[in-house]
Amino acid sequence: MEKKNKFFLILIVVIAILLGIILGLSFSDYKDKSINQTQNVNINTSSNSEIPKINLNAASQKELESLPEIGEVKTKRIIQHRPYTNISQLLNIVGNKAYQTIKDRVEVK
């Protein structure tokens, strides 16, 4: 009889642990979804504000360095390759990741 009680006790503990894991995973999924919705709202509201574009042919080193993904080295490479006729020329100079990040924030005049 005692073995039967131990077995049921162990079974109850295992079920409780599994139930706790399932509930924990469900809660973390809910938490992640709410964070993503908040991030989407922030992204959408920030894109409504008009950010002045930086002219690649006339921008100072400080202006270019203010762009995301663009540091001192990439800024110097941008300046060395002037003049630009279109912004797609920037792709070969700064790389795809940086280009995708800044393409809407720069222009060529």
C-alpha atoms as a PDB file:
ATOM      1  CA  MET A   1       0.000   0.000   0.000  1.00  0.00           C
ATOM      2  CA  GLU A   2       2.831   2.390   0.787  1.00  0.00           C
ATOM      3  CA  LYS A   3       4.389   1.893  -2.687  1.00  0.00           C
ATOM      4  CA  LYS A   4       1.049   2.788  -4.238  1.00  0.00           C
ATOM      5  CA  ASN A   5       0.888   6.033  -2.239  1.00  0.00           C
ATOM      6  CA  LYS A   6       4.434   6.993  -3.240  1.00  0.00           C
ATOM      7  CA  PHE A   7       3.622   6.303  -6.873  1.00  0.00           C
ATOM      8  CA  PHE A   8       0.543   8.550  -6.753  1.00  0.00           C
ATOM      9  CA  LEU A   9       2.478  11.263  -4.929  1.00  0.00           C
ATOM     10  CA  ILE A  10       5.236  11.193  -7.563  1.00  0.00           C
ATOM     11  CA  LEU A  11       2.610  11.200 -10.317  1.00  0.00           C
ATOM     12  CA  ILE A  12       0.903  14.257  -8.795  1.00  0.00           C
ATOM     13  CA  VAL A  13       4.244  16.089  -8.477  1.00  0.00           C
ATOM     14  CA  VAL A  14       5.147  15.321 -12.110  1.00  0.00           C
ATOM     15  CA  ILE A  15       1.728  16.506 -13.311  1.00  0.00           C
ATOM     16  CA  ALA A  16       2.062  19.696 -11.239  1.00  0.00           C
ATOM     17  CA  ILE A  17       5.491  20.399 -12.710  1.00  0.00           C
ATOM     18  CA  LEU A  18       4.284  19.822 -16.269  1.00  0.00           C
ATOM     19  CA  LEU A  19       1.246  22.026 -15.662  1.00  0.00           C
ATOM     20  CA  GLY A  20       3.529  24.752 -14.311  1.00  0.00           C
ATOM     21  CA  ILE A  21       5.760  24.536 -17.380  1.00  0.00           C
ATOM     22  CA  ILE A  22       2.788  24.716 -19.752  1.00  0.00           C
ATOM     23  CA  LEU A  23       1.315  27.724 -17.936  1.00  0.00           C
ATOM     24  CA  GLY A  24       4.725  29.424 -17.856  1.00  0.00           C
ATOM     25  CA  LEU A  25       5.206  28.992 -21.591  1.00  0.00           C
ATOM     26  CA  SER A  26       1.707  30.259 -22.285  1.00  0.00           C
ATOM     27  CA  PHE A  27       2.320  33.343 -20.172  1.00  0.00           C
ATOM     28  CA  SER A  28       5.659  34.087 -21.855  1.00  0.00           C
ATOM     29  CA  ASP A  29       3.995  33.860 -25.302  1.00  0.00           C
ATOM     30  CA  TYR A  30       1.344  36.331 -24.159  1.00  0.00           C
ATOM     31  CA  LYS A  31       4.010  38.659 -22.786  1.00  0.00           C
ATOM     32  CA  ASP A  32       6.028  38.508 -26.050  1.00  0.00           C
ATOM     33  CA  LYS A  33       2.942  39.306 -28.128  1.00  0.00           C
ATOM     34  CA  SER A  34       2.123  42.366 -26.035  1.00  0.00           C
ATOM     35  CA  ILE A  35       5.703  43.617 -26.370  1.00  0.00           C
ATOM     36  CA  ASN A  36       5.608  43.176 -30.156  1.00  0.00           C
ATOM     37  CA  GLN A  37       2.328  45.097 -30.393  1.00  0.00           C
ATOM     38  CA  THR A  38       3.851  47.939 -28.394  1.00  0.00           C
ATOM     39  CA  GLN A  39       6.900  47.973 -30.640  1.00  0.00           C
ATOM     40  CA  ASN A  40       4.730  48.082 -33.758  1.00  0.00           C
ATOM     41  CA  VAL A  41       2.835  51.069 -32.403  1.00  0.00           C
ATOM     42  CA  ASN A  42       6.073  52.870 -31.633  1.00  0.00           C
ATOM     43  CA  ILE A  43       7.470  52.124 -35.076  1.00  0.00           C
ATOM     44  CA  ASN A  44       4.309  53.293 -36.818  1.00  0.00           C
ATOM     45  CA  THR A  45       4.043  56.530 -34.842  1.00  0.00           C
ATOM     46  CA  SER A  46       7.699  57.415 -35.342  1.00  0.00           C
ATOM     47  CA  SER A  47       7.466  56.974 -39.113  1.00  0.00           C
ATOM     48  CA  ASN A  48       4.762  59.649 -39.296  1.00  0.00           C
ATOM     49  CA  SER A  49       7.164  62.403 -38.269  1.00  0.00           C
ATOM     50  CA  GLU A  50       9.098  63.963 -41.136  1.00  0.00           C
ATOM     51  CA  ILE A  51      12.874  63.612 -40.711  1.00  0.00           C
ATOM     52  CA  PRO A  52      14.904  65.951 -42.928  1.00  0.00           C
ATOM     53  CA  LYS A  53      17.045  64.058 -45.422  1.00  0.00           C
ATOM     54  CA  ILE A  54      20.810  64.446 -45.486  1.00  0.00           C
ATOM     55  CA  ASN A  55      22.419  65.362 -48.822  1.00  0.00           C
ATOM     56  CA  LEU A  56      25.238  62.870 -49.436  1.00  0.00           C
ATOM     57  CA  ASN A  57      27.202  65.348 -51.558  1.00  0.00           C
ATOM     58  CA  ALA A  58      27.096  68.239 -49.077  1.00  0.00           C
ATOM     59  CA  ALA A  59      26.783  66.697 -45.612  1.00  0.00           C
ATOM     60  CA  SER A  60      29.490  67.244 -43.040  1.00  0.00           C
ATOM     61  CA  GLN A  61      31.248  64.375 -41.313  1.00  0.00           C
ATOM     62  CA  LYS A  62      29.211  65.060 -38.165  1.00  0.00           C
ATOM     63  CA  GLU A  63      25.914  64.948 -40.090  1.00  0.00           C
ATOM     64  CA  LEU A  64      26.815  61.645 -41.750  1.00  0.00           C
ATOM     65  CA  GLU A  65      27.925  60.124 -38.440  1.00  0.00           C
ATOM     66  CA  SER A  66      24.519  60.990 -36.972  1.00  0.00           C
ATOM     67  CA  LEU A  67      22.960  58.376 -39.263  1.00  0.00           C
ATOM     68  CA  PRO A  68      22.331  54.939 -37.742  1.00  0.00           C
ATOM     69  CA  GLU A  69      24.869  52.237 -38.715  1.00  0.00           C
ATOM     70  CA  ILE A  70      27.300  54.933 -39.942  1.00  0.00           C
ATOM     71  CA  GLY A  71      30.421  55.526 -37.910  1.00  0.00           C
ATOM     72  CA  GLU A  72      33.678  57.330 -38.543  1.00  0.00           C
ATOM     73  CA  VAL A  73      35.081  54.777 -41.008  1.00  0.00           C
ATOM     74  CA  LYS A  74      31.958  54.590 -43.197  1.00  0.00           C
ATOM     75  CA  THR A  75      31.613  58.378 -43.075  1.00  0.00           C
ATOM     76  CA  LYS A  76      35.120  58.799 -44.462  1.00  0.00           C
ATOM     77  CA  ARG A  77      34.375  56.284 -47.222  1.00  0.00           C
ATOM     78  CA  ILE A  78      31.160  58.138 -48.116  1.00  0.00           C
ATOM     79  CA  ILE A  79      33.045  61.436 -48.357  1.00  0.00           C
ATOM     80  CA  GLN A  80      35.881  59.884 -50.422  1.00  0.00           C
ATOM     81  CA  HIS A  81      33.455  58.581 -53.063  1.00  0.00           C
ATOM     82  CA  ARG A  82      31.717  61.904 -53.735  1.00  0.00           C
ATOM     83  CA  PRO A  83      30.023  63.072 -55.936  1.00  0.00           C
ATOM     84  CA  TYR A  84      26.962  60.823 -56.016  1.00  0.00           C
ATOM     85  CA  THR A  85      24.330  60.809 -58.724  1.00  0.00           C
ATOM     86  CA  ASN A  86      21.900  58.513 -56.848  1.00  0.00           C
ATOM     87  CA  ILE A  87      21.695  56.965 -53.403  1.00  0.00           C
ATOM     88  CA  SER A  88      22.000  53.400 -54.667  1.00  0.00           C
ATOM     89  CA  GLN A  89      25.727  54.074 -55.181  1.00  0.00           C
ATOM     90  CA  LEU A  90      25.963  54.052 -51.408  1.00  0.00           C
ATOM     91  CA  LEU A  91      25.172  50.323 -51.278  1.00  0.00           C
ATOM     92  CA  ASN A  92      28.683  49.287 -52.386  1.00  0.00           C
ATOM     93  CA  ILE A  93      30.309  51.736 -49.972  1.00  0.00           C
ATOM     94  CA  VAL A  94      28.498  51.068 -46.674  1.00  0.00           C
ATOM     95  CA  GLY A  95      27.071  47.583 -47.197  1.00  0.00           C
ATOM     96  CA  ASN A  96      23.527  46.274 -47.400  1.00  0.00           C
ATOM     97  CA  LYS A  97      22.585  46.491 -43.710  1.00  0.00           C
ATOM     98  CA  ALA A  98      23.636  50.118 -43.314  1.00  0.00           C
ATOM     99  CA  TYR A  99      22.179  51.020 -46.718  1.00  0.00           C
ATOM    100  CA  GLN A 100      18.760  49.550 -45.856  1.00  0.00           C
ATOM    101  CA  THR A 101      18.805  51.468 -42.576  1.00  0.00           C
ATOM    102  CA  ILE A 102      19.656  54.890 -44.017  1.00  0.00           C
ATOM    103  CA  LYS A 103      18.311  54.868 -47.591  1.00  0.00           C
ATOM    104  CA  ASP A 104      15.161  56.782 -46.584  1.00  0.00           C
ATOM    105  CA  ARG A 105      17.152  59.363 -44.632  1.00  0.00           C
ATOM    106  CA  VAL A 106      19.555  60.451 -47.361  1.00  0.00           C
ATOM    107  CA  GLU A 107      19.258  62.134 -50.735  1.00  0.00           C
ATOM    108  CA  VAL A 108      21.454  63.323 -53.606  1.00  0.00           C
ATOM    109  CA  LYS A 109      21.255  66.901 -54.844  1.00  0.00           C
END
